[in-house]
Amino acid sequence: MRVKLSIIASVFLFTFGSLPDAVSQWVESKGPFGGAVTCFESSGTDLLAGCLGVGVYLTSDNGTIWMSVSNNLGNTAVLSFARASTTLYAGTYGGGVFRTTDEGANWEAANAGISSANVYALVADGTNLYAGTGTGIYFSTNDGTNWQQASVGLTNTNVHALLVNGTYLYAGTLGGGVFRSDDHGMNWQKAASGLSDTNVRAFEAIGSTIFAGTANSGVFITSDNGANWIAAGSDLAQTPIYALVANGTYLFAGSLGQGVFVSSNNGISWTNVSLGLARLSVQALAVSGDYLFAGCADGSIWKRPLSELGVDDFRAPNESLVSFPNPFSLSTTVSVRASESGQSKITIVNLLGSEVARLFTGLLDGGEHSFNWDARRMPPAIYICVVRQHGRTDRLPMLLVK
């Protein structure tokens, strides 16, 4: 699928079509009036929120009414959710793992074999369930009834994020970066090349592209199963990212102190969409129905229609410049449409503005033209294709991953 982008005013400013940020904003949900919101789980019209010190709350009407669903769970601090078939699991601080088969009406402990009471991350992969703790990773094949440790090769056992994507299982740690397993967690290998911030708080994936939110340095991207990572657009360079959630091709990031950001181009560029969001420390994000929900450190939950966040309005004002594939690993084809014959110059520059390749210089006839850029000798990074013709300059960001 071709990625159509346009840069206006600077390399980093992505144009959001008719994004109506000036006339619409976030609205605070009515509840749940508890501790910091750390995680969400969406299922149909139901949205569950995990909170510190007050357990789990449920809304079935887009946040108009929240009700406590913490029977037998109490006021436990809930840190993570995972769903496998009809069973919902909650990872807690101090209480290990709980499970429910009736959407939280009743919970029961499911901790046999887990030596850590603090479960920061949960993920399901078919019939396997994985729990990330401060003492490594545990897995269960019988609905959480029994657990075994699965930390061979995990040189950092402080696991705060888990992701299943394809045949790989990923673990994000505090201080050790990312680890990867291709045998259902039995063995782990370091997969953190290029990851300058080794404190990983969140994962998300769009197709084969994986995103890691870090505690101090924004988002990092890999498209080669974690073999190499590069920093996402500089818009988030110094931003603590604690939550990531995708909706189709759009990626939302929740930050500690700067609110919510959105990207429509695989993290190459980001726009802050926090107008009206009075609490900017966002620790959890969820897409439920037609809304994006943000859970904040003060215990409040805010919502905003996806349509107001530009999800239906991302457009490239200039469709005469596209590249495919993008992101790419070896080469990409740049397609240029010239409205009429004229002198043209097509170059590739790095983020410092230095030219690294020249694709064309001379007289370009009107119509469609394609140019291949062989980048196999270039380091992974974000590059910009610059097209100058007919007195205007168009720029297209391209993500090289290896």
Protein backbone atom coordinates (compact mmCIF):
# COMPACT_ATOMS: atom_id res chain seq x y z
CA MET A 1 0.00 0.00 0.00
CA ARG A 2 1.43 3.33 -0.99
CA VAL A 3 2.07 5.81 1.79
CA LYS A 4 1.09 9.32 0.68
CA LEU A 5 2.65 12.07 2.72
CA SER A 6 3.28 15.78 2.46
CA ILE A 7 5.60 18.05 4.40
CA ILE A 8 4.62 21.71 4.69
CA ALA A 9 6.60 24.50 6.36
CA SER A 10 9.23 22.08 7.69
CA VAL A 11 10.46 18.54 7.27
CA PHE A 12 8.61 17.43 10.37
CA LEU A 13 5.17 19.03 10.11
CA PHE A 14 2.63 16.59 8.72
CA THR A 15 -0.52 18.03 7.21
CA PHE A 16 -3.70 16.58 8.68
CA GLY A 17 -6.17 17.60 6.01
CA SER A 18 -9.20 19.15 7.65
CA LEU A 19 -8.35 18.22 11.24
CA PRO A 20 -10.72 20.47 13.23
CA ASP A 21 -8.58 20.81 16.36
CA ALA A 22 -9.53 24.46 16.71
CA VAL A 23 -13.23 23.77 17.17
CA SER A 24 -13.38 20.46 19.05
CA GLN A 25 -11.67 18.98 22.04
CA TRP A 26 -11.51 16.25 24.66
CA VAL A 27 -14.33 15.67 27.13
CA GLU A 28 -13.85 14.19 30.59
CA SER A 29 -15.67 10.92 31.15
CA LYS A 30 -17.93 10.58 34.20
CA GLY A 31 -15.67 8.41 36.32
CA PRO A 32 -14.27 6.13 37.48
CA PHE A 33 -13.09 8.54 40.24
CA GLY A 34 -10.27 6.37 41.54
CA GLY A 35 -6.52 5.91 41.34
CA ALA A 36 -4.31 6.39 38.29
CA VAL A 37 -5.64 4.65 35.17
CA THR A 38 -2.96 2.25 33.95
CA CYS A 39 -4.62 0.02 31.33
CA PHE A 40 -7.73 -0.56 29.22
CA GLU A 41 -9.41 -3.59 27.68
CA SER A 42 -12.05 -3.13 24.99
CA SER A 43 -14.58 -5.79 24.00
CA GLY A 44 -17.57 -4.90 21.85
CA THR A 45 -19.41 -2.06 23.56
CA ASP A 46 -17.64 -2.73 26.87
CA LEU A 47 -14.55 -0.87 28.00
CA LEU A 48 -12.74 -1.86 31.19
CA ALA A 49 -10.26 0.37 32.99
CA GLY A 50 -7.60 -0.90 35.36
CA CYS A 51 -6.77 1.56 38.14
CA LEU A 52 -4.30 1.84 40.98
CA GLY A 53 -5.89 1.08 44.32
CA VAL A 54 -9.49 0.76 43.13
CA GLY A 55 -9.44 -2.30 40.90
CA VAL A 56 -11.42 -2.49 37.66
CA TYR A 57 -14.24 -0.30 36.33
CA LEU A 58 -16.55 -0.97 33.39
CA THR A 59 -18.52 1.24 31.03
CA SER A 60 -20.93 0.06 28.34
CA ASP A 61 -22.07 3.49 27.18
CA ASN A 62 -18.87 5.23 26.09
CA GLY A 63 -18.01 6.48 29.54
CA THR A 64 -21.34 7.99 30.58
CA ILE A 65 -21.57 5.59 33.52
CA TRP A 66 -18.72 3.60 35.10
CA MET A 67 -19.32 0.79 37.58
CA SER A 68 -16.90 -1.10 39.76
CA VAL A 69 -16.41 -4.73 38.66
CA SER A 70 -13.92 -5.79 41.31
CA ASN A 71 -15.77 -8.51 43.23
CA ASN A 72 -13.11 -10.69 44.94
CA LEU A 73 -10.48 -8.40 43.43
CA GLY A 74 -10.91 -5.63 45.96
CA ASN A 75 -8.98 -2.40 45.70
CA THR A 76 -5.99 -4.07 44.08
CA ALA A 77 -3.77 -1.94 41.85
CA VAL A 78 -4.38 -3.25 38.33
CA LEU A 79 -1.50 -2.81 35.88
CA SER A 80 -2.37 -4.90 32.81
CA PHE A 81 -5.04 -6.85 30.96
CA ALA A 82 -5.07 -9.73 28.50
CA ARG A 83 -7.95 -11.61 26.94
CA ALA A 84 -7.96 -15.23 25.77
CA SER A 85 -11.25 -16.48 24.38
CA THR A 86 -13.93 -15.75 27.02
CA THR A 87 -11.50 -15.26 29.90
CA LEU A 88 -10.14 -11.87 30.93
CA TYR A 89 -6.92 -11.68 32.96
CA ALA A 90 -5.68 -8.82 35.14
CA GLY A 91 -2.09 -8.35 36.23
CA THR A 92 -1.82 -6.52 39.53
CA TYR A 93 0.70 -4.86 41.81
CA GLY A 94 0.95 -6.98 44.91
CA GLY A 95 -1.67 -9.56 43.99
CA GLY A 96 -0.31 -11.38 40.96
CA VAL A 97 -2.77 -12.52 38.28
CA PHE A 98 -6.57 -12.65 38.53
CA ARG A 99 -9.06 -13.99 35.99
CA THR A 100 -12.76 -13.60 35.25
CA THR A 101 -15.15 -15.26 32.83
CA ASP A 102 -18.04 -12.84 33.39
CA GLU A 103 -16.47 -9.49 32.47
CA GLY A 104 -15.37 -8.72 36.00
CA ALA A 105 -18.51 -9.62 37.94
CA ASN A 106 -16.36 -12.18 39.76
CA TRP A 107 -12.60 -12.62 39.90
CA GLU A 108 -10.36 -15.38 41.19
CA ALA A 109 -6.63 -15.53 41.80
CA ALA A 110 -4.60 -17.47 39.21
CA ASN A 111 -1.04 -17.37 40.54
CA ALA A 112 0.21 -20.91 41.10
CA GLY A 113 3.87 -20.94 40.10
CA ILE A 114 4.44 -17.18 39.85
CA SER A 115 6.97 -16.04 42.43
CA SER A 116 6.40 -12.33 41.81
CA ALA A 117 3.29 -10.54 43.05
CA ASN A 118 3.81 -7.64 40.64
CA VAL A 119 2.60 -8.37 37.10
CA TYR A 120 3.32 -5.40 34.83
CA ALA A 121 2.35 -6.94 31.48
CA LEU A 122 0.12 -9.71 30.14
CA VAL A 123 -0.33 -11.07 26.62
CA ALA A 124 -2.12 -14.07 25.12
CA ASP A 125 -0.85 -16.08 22.15
CA GLY A 126 -3.38 -18.73 21.25
CA THR A 127 -3.65 -21.03 24.25
CA ASN A 128 -0.48 -19.62 25.82
CA LEU A 129 -0.63 -16.79 28.34
CA TYR A 130 2.46 -14.78 29.30
CA ALA A 131 3.05 -12.57 32.33
CA GLY A 132 5.83 -9.99 32.59
CA THR A 133 7.05 -9.38 36.13
CA GLY A 134 9.98 -7.86 37.99
CA THR A 135 11.55 -11.33 38.15
CA GLY A 136 11.12 -12.38 34.54
CA ILE A 137 8.45 -13.93 32.34
CA TYR A 138 6.04 -16.71 33.23
CA PHE A 139 3.77 -18.68 30.93
CA SER A 140 0.64 -20.77 31.35
CA THR A 141 -0.97 -23.25 28.98
CA ASN A 142 -4.02 -23.99 31.14
CA ASP A 143 -5.83 -20.66 31.49
CA GLY A 144 -3.59 -19.37 34.27
CA THR A 145 -4.18 -22.29 36.61
CA ASN A 146 -0.45 -23.07 36.67
CA TRP A 147 2.57 -21.04 35.59
CA GLN A 148 6.19 -21.82 34.71
CA GLN A 149 9.08 -19.43 34.30
CA ALA A 150 10.23 -18.71 30.75
CA SER A 151 13.25 -16.45 31.14
CA VAL A 152 16.17 -18.33 29.57
CA GLY A 153 18.41 -15.72 27.91
CA LEU A 154 16.54 -12.82 29.50
CA THR A 155 19.46 -10.88 30.96
CA ASN A 156 17.13 -8.20 32.30
CA THR A 157 14.12 -9.60 34.13
CA ASN A 158 12.28 -6.36 34.87
CA VAL A 159 9.63 -6.84 32.16
CA HIS A 160 7.05 -4.07 31.70
CA ALA A 161 5.73 -4.69 28.16
CA LEU A 162 4.86 -7.77 26.09
CA LEU A 163 3.81 -8.16 22.45
CA VAL A 164 3.01 -11.06 20.14
CA ASN A 165 3.50 -10.29 16.44
CA GLY A 166 3.67 -13.06 13.88
CA THR A 167 5.84 -15.90 15.12
CA TYR A 168 7.74 -13.71 17.59
CA LEU A 169 7.16 -12.78 21.20
CA TYR A 170 8.69 -9.50 22.38
CA ALA A 171 9.54 -8.36 25.90
CA GLY A 172 10.25 -4.75 26.83
CA THR A 173 12.31 -4.23 29.97
CA LEU A 174 13.34 -1.34 32.18
CA GLY A 175 17.06 -0.96 31.62
CA GLY A 176 17.62 -3.83 29.21
CA GLY A 177 15.73 -2.80 26.08
CA VAL A 178 13.90 -5.40 24.01
CA PHE A 179 14.23 -9.18 23.96
CA ARG A 180 12.73 -11.53 21.37
CA SER A 181 11.68 -15.18 21.37
CA ASP A 182 10.83 -17.35 18.38
CA ASP A 183 10.01 -20.50 20.40
CA HIS A 184 7.06 -19.38 22.52
CA GLY A 185 9.17 -17.84 25.25
CA MET A 186 11.41 -20.84 25.96
CA ASN A 187 14.53 -18.92 24.89
CA TRP A 188 15.20 -15.21 24.52
CA GLN A 189 17.72 -13.13 22.57
CA LYS A 190 18.54 -9.44 22.87
CA ALA A 191 16.88 -7.45 20.08
CA ALA A 192 17.81 -3.87 20.89
CA SER A 193 20.28 -2.70 18.23
CA GLY A 194 19.75 1.04 17.73
CA LEU A 195 17.51 1.35 20.78
CA SER A 196 19.21 4.22 22.59
CA ASP A 197 16.64 4.27 25.40
CA THR A 198 16.53 0.83 27.02
CA ASN A 199 13.54 1.62 29.25
CA VAL A 200 10.62 0.21 27.27
CA ARG A 201 7.14 1.00 28.55
CA ALA A 202 4.80 0.04 25.70
CA PHE A 203 4.50 -1.89 22.44
CA GLU A 204 2.17 -1.73 19.45
CA ALA A 205 2.27 -3.13 15.92
CA ILE A 206 0.82 -2.14 12.56
CA GLY A 207 1.37 -5.10 10.29
CA SER A 208 5.02 -6.10 10.45
CA THR A 209 6.11 -2.70 11.81
CA ILE A 210 6.58 -2.68 15.58
CA PHE A 211 6.69 0.40 17.79
CA ALA A 212 8.25 0.68 21.25
CA GLY A 213 7.40 3.53 23.61
CA THR A 214 10.28 4.44 25.89
CA ALA A 215 10.51 6.20 29.25
CA ASN A 216 12.67 9.10 28.06
CA SER A 217 13.13 9.15 24.29
CA GLY A 218 9.82 8.79 22.52
CA VAL A 219 9.06 5.97 20.09
CA PHE A 220 11.37 3.58 18.28
CA ILE A 221 10.50 1.57 15.16
CA THR A 222 11.53 -1.78 13.73
CA SER A 223 10.38 -3.51 10.56
CA ASP A 224 12.79 -6.44 10.73
CA ASN A 225 11.46 -8.26 13.78
CA GLY A 226 13.53 -6.26 16.23
CA ALA A 227 16.93 -6.81 14.61
CA ASN A 228 17.34 -3.05 14.21
CA TRP A 229 15.51 -0.09 15.72
CA ILE A 230 15.48 3.56 14.69
CA ALA A 231 14.01 6.56 16.46
CA ALA A 232 10.67 7.78 15.18
CA GLY A 233 10.22 11.38 14.06
CA SER A 234 11.91 14.03 16.17
CA ASP A 235 8.51 15.37 17.32
CA LEU A 236 8.72 12.89 20.24
CA ALA A 237 12.49 12.85 20.72
CA GLN A 238 12.50 13.71 24.45
CA THR A 239 8.98 12.57 25.30
CA PRO A 240 8.20 9.79 27.80
CA ILE A 241 5.74 7.44 26.06
CA TYR A 242 3.73 5.17 28.33
CA ALA A 243 0.93 4.03 26.00
CA LEU A 244 0.53 3.11 22.34
CA VAL A 245 -2.59 2.03 20.47
CA ALA A 246 -3.29 1.60 16.76
CA ASN A 247 -6.50 2.15 14.86
CA GLY A 248 -6.04 0.92 11.30
CA THR A 249 -3.01 2.75 9.94
CA TYR A 250 -3.13 5.45 12.63
CA LEU A 251 -0.98 5.22 15.73
CA PHE A 252 -1.71 7.10 18.96
CA ALA A 253 0.85 7.69 21.69
CA GLY A 254 0.15 8.69 25.29
CA SER A 255 2.88 10.70 26.97
CA LEU A 256 3.79 11.58 30.51
CA GLY A 257 3.29 15.34 30.59
CA GLN A 258 2.51 16.19 26.96
CA GLY A 259 -0.80 14.50 26.30
CA VAL A 260 -1.68 12.52 23.18
CA PHE A 261 0.05 12.39 19.80
CA VAL A 262 -1.03 10.79 16.53
CA SER A 263 0.86 9.57 13.46
CA SER A 264 -0.55 8.37 10.16
CA ASN A 265 2.76 7.49 8.54
CA ASN A 266 4.26 4.73 10.66
CA GLY A 267 5.73 7.10 13.23
CA ILE A 268 7.73 9.25 10.81
CA SER A 269 5.93 12.39 11.98
CA TRP A 270 3.55 13.15 14.84
CA THR A 271 0.99 15.78 15.76
CA ASN A 272 -0.13 16.63 19.29
CA VAL A 273 -3.94 16.36 19.55
CA SER A 274 -4.37 17.34 23.20
CA LEU A 275 -6.56 20.43 22.85
CA GLY A 276 -8.95 20.38 25.81
CA LEU A 277 -7.16 17.53 27.57
CA ALA A 278 -6.72 19.08 31.00
CA ARG A 279 -4.61 16.20 32.32
CA LEU A 280 -1.52 15.62 30.18
CA SER A 281 0.03 12.62 31.93
CA VAL A 282 -1.55 9.83 29.88
CA GLN A 283 -0.71 6.28 30.96
CA ALA A 284 -3.30 4.29 29.00
CA LEU A 285 -5.04 4.56 25.64
CA ALA A 286 -7.87 2.59 24.04
CA VAL A 287 -10.01 2.73 20.93
CA SER A 288 -13.58 1.75 21.77
CA GLY A 289 -16.44 2.29 19.38
CA ASP A 290 -16.01 5.67 17.70
CA TYR A 291 -13.88 7.11 20.49
CA LEU A 292 -10.30 7.30 21.65
CA PHE A 293 -10.06 7.06 25.45
CA ALA A 294 -7.13 8.39 27.48
CA GLY A 295 -6.49 7.22 31.05
CA CYS A 296 -4.55 9.71 33.14
CA ALA A 297 -2.27 9.60 36.16
CA ASP A 298 -4.75 11.57 38.30
CA GLY A 299 -7.45 8.90 37.83
CA SER A 300 -9.50 10.73 35.22
CA ILE A 301 -10.55 9.31 31.85
CA TRP A 302 -11.06 11.50 28.81
CA LYS A 303 -12.56 10.70 25.43
CA ARG A 304 -12.69 12.20 21.98
CA PRO A 305 -14.38 11.03 18.75
CA LEU A 306 -11.92 9.51 16.33
CA SER A 307 -13.36 11.66 13.57
CA GLU A 308 -12.28 14.77 15.49
CA LEU A 309 -8.75 13.41 15.76
CA GLY A 310 -8.30 13.33 12.02
CA VAL A 311 -8.70 9.57 11.53
CA ASP A 312 -11.20 10.22 8.74
CA ASP A 313 -9.37 13.27 7.44
CA PHE A 314 -5.74 12.33 6.91
CA ARG A 315 -5.06 13.38 3.36
CA ALA A 316 -2.00 14.30 1.35
CA PRO A 317 -2.69 17.67 -0.29
CA ASN A 318 -0.05 16.83 -2.90
CA GLU A 319 -0.57 13.36 -4.36
CA SER A 320 2.00 13.91 -7.11
CA LEU A 321 4.80 12.50 -4.95
CA VAL A 322 4.62 9.01 -3.42
CA SER A 323 6.98 6.14 -2.67
CA PHE A 324 6.52 2.40 -2.41
CA PRO A 325 7.37 0.55 -0.28
CA ASN A 326 7.61 2.94 2.64
CA PRO A 327 9.04 1.92 5.10
CA PHE A 328 11.58 -0.07 3.06
CA SER A 329 14.71 -2.11 3.73
CA LEU A 330 16.71 -2.22 0.46
CA SER A 331 15.22 0.06 -2.18
CA THR A 332 12.11 2.09 -2.87
CA THR A 333 10.48 3.52 -5.97
CA VAL A 334 9.63 7.22 -5.97
CA SER A 335 6.76 8.19 -8.28
CA VAL A 336 6.49 11.80 -9.45
CA ARG A 337 3.67 13.30 -11.48
CA ALA A 338 4.62 16.40 -13.44
CA SER A 339 1.74 18.61 -14.55
CA GLU A 340 3.76 19.84 -17.54
CA SER A 341 7.21 19.65 -19.05
CA GLY A 342 9.91 21.56 -17.17
CA GLN A 343 13.26 21.52 -15.43
CA SER A 344 13.23 19.23 -12.40
CA LYS A 345 15.58 18.09 -9.69
CA ILE A 346 14.89 15.05 -7.50
CA THR A 347 17.23 14.35 -4.58
CA ILE A 348 17.36 12.42 -1.33
CA VAL A 349 18.57 14.26 1.78
CA ASN A 350 19.07 13.25 5.40
CA LEU A 351 17.48 15.03 8.34
CA LEU A 352 20.37 17.49 8.42
CA GLY A 353 19.54 18.52 4.86
CA SER A 354 22.66 16.98 3.31
CA GLU A 355 22.17 15.36 -0.09
CA VAL A 356 22.83 11.60 -0.05
CA ALA A 357 21.52 10.69 -3.51
CA ARG A 358 20.40 12.39 -6.71
CA LEU A 359 17.68 10.59 -8.65
CA PHE A 360 17.20 13.03 -11.53
CA THR A 361 18.27 16.42 -12.85
CA GLY A 362 17.09 17.84 -16.16
CA LEU A 363 14.03 18.29 -18.33
CA LEU A 364 11.11 16.17 -17.15
CA ASP A 365 8.16 15.68 -19.47
CA GLY A 366 4.62 16.02 -18.18
CA GLY A 367 3.03 12.85 -16.80
CA GLU A 368 4.00 10.03 -14.42
CA HIS A 369 7.65 9.14 -13.80
CA SER A 370 9.28 6.55 -11.51
CA PHE A 371 12.76 6.55 -10.00
CA ASN A 372 14.37 3.78 -7.98
CA TRP A 373 16.57 4.55 -4.98
CA ASP A 374 18.94 1.75 -4.02
CA ALA A 375 19.66 2.43 -0.34
CA ARG A 376 21.27 -0.85 0.69
CA ARG A 377 24.52 0.94 1.60
CA MET A 378 22.79 3.64 3.62
CA PRO A 379 22.29 3.43 7.41
CA PRO A 380 18.73 3.01 8.68
CA ALA A 381 17.14 6.41 9.28
CA ILE A 382 14.46 8.79 8.06
CA TYR A 383 15.32 10.35 4.70
CA ILE A 384 13.53 13.03 2.68
CA CYS A 385 12.89 12.92 -1.04
CA VAL A 386 12.96 16.52 -2.33
CA VAL A 387 11.36 17.35 -5.69
CA ARG A 388 11.87 20.80 -7.18
CA GLN A 389 9.87 21.64 -10.30
CA HIS A 390 7.80 24.53 -11.68
CA GLY A 391 8.91 26.88 -8.91
CA ARG A 392 7.71 24.67 -6.04
CA THR A 393 9.38 22.21 -3.70
CA ASP A 394 7.72 19.04 -2.42
CA ARG A 395 9.15 16.80 0.30
CA LEU A 396 8.37 13.20 1.14
CA PRO A 397 9.72 11.45 4.28
CA MET A 398 10.82 7.83 3.81
CA LEU A 399 11.77 5.34 6.49
CA LEU A 400 14.74 3.04 5.83
CA VAL A 401 14.89 0.04 8.16
CA LYS A 402 17.35 -2.85 8.18
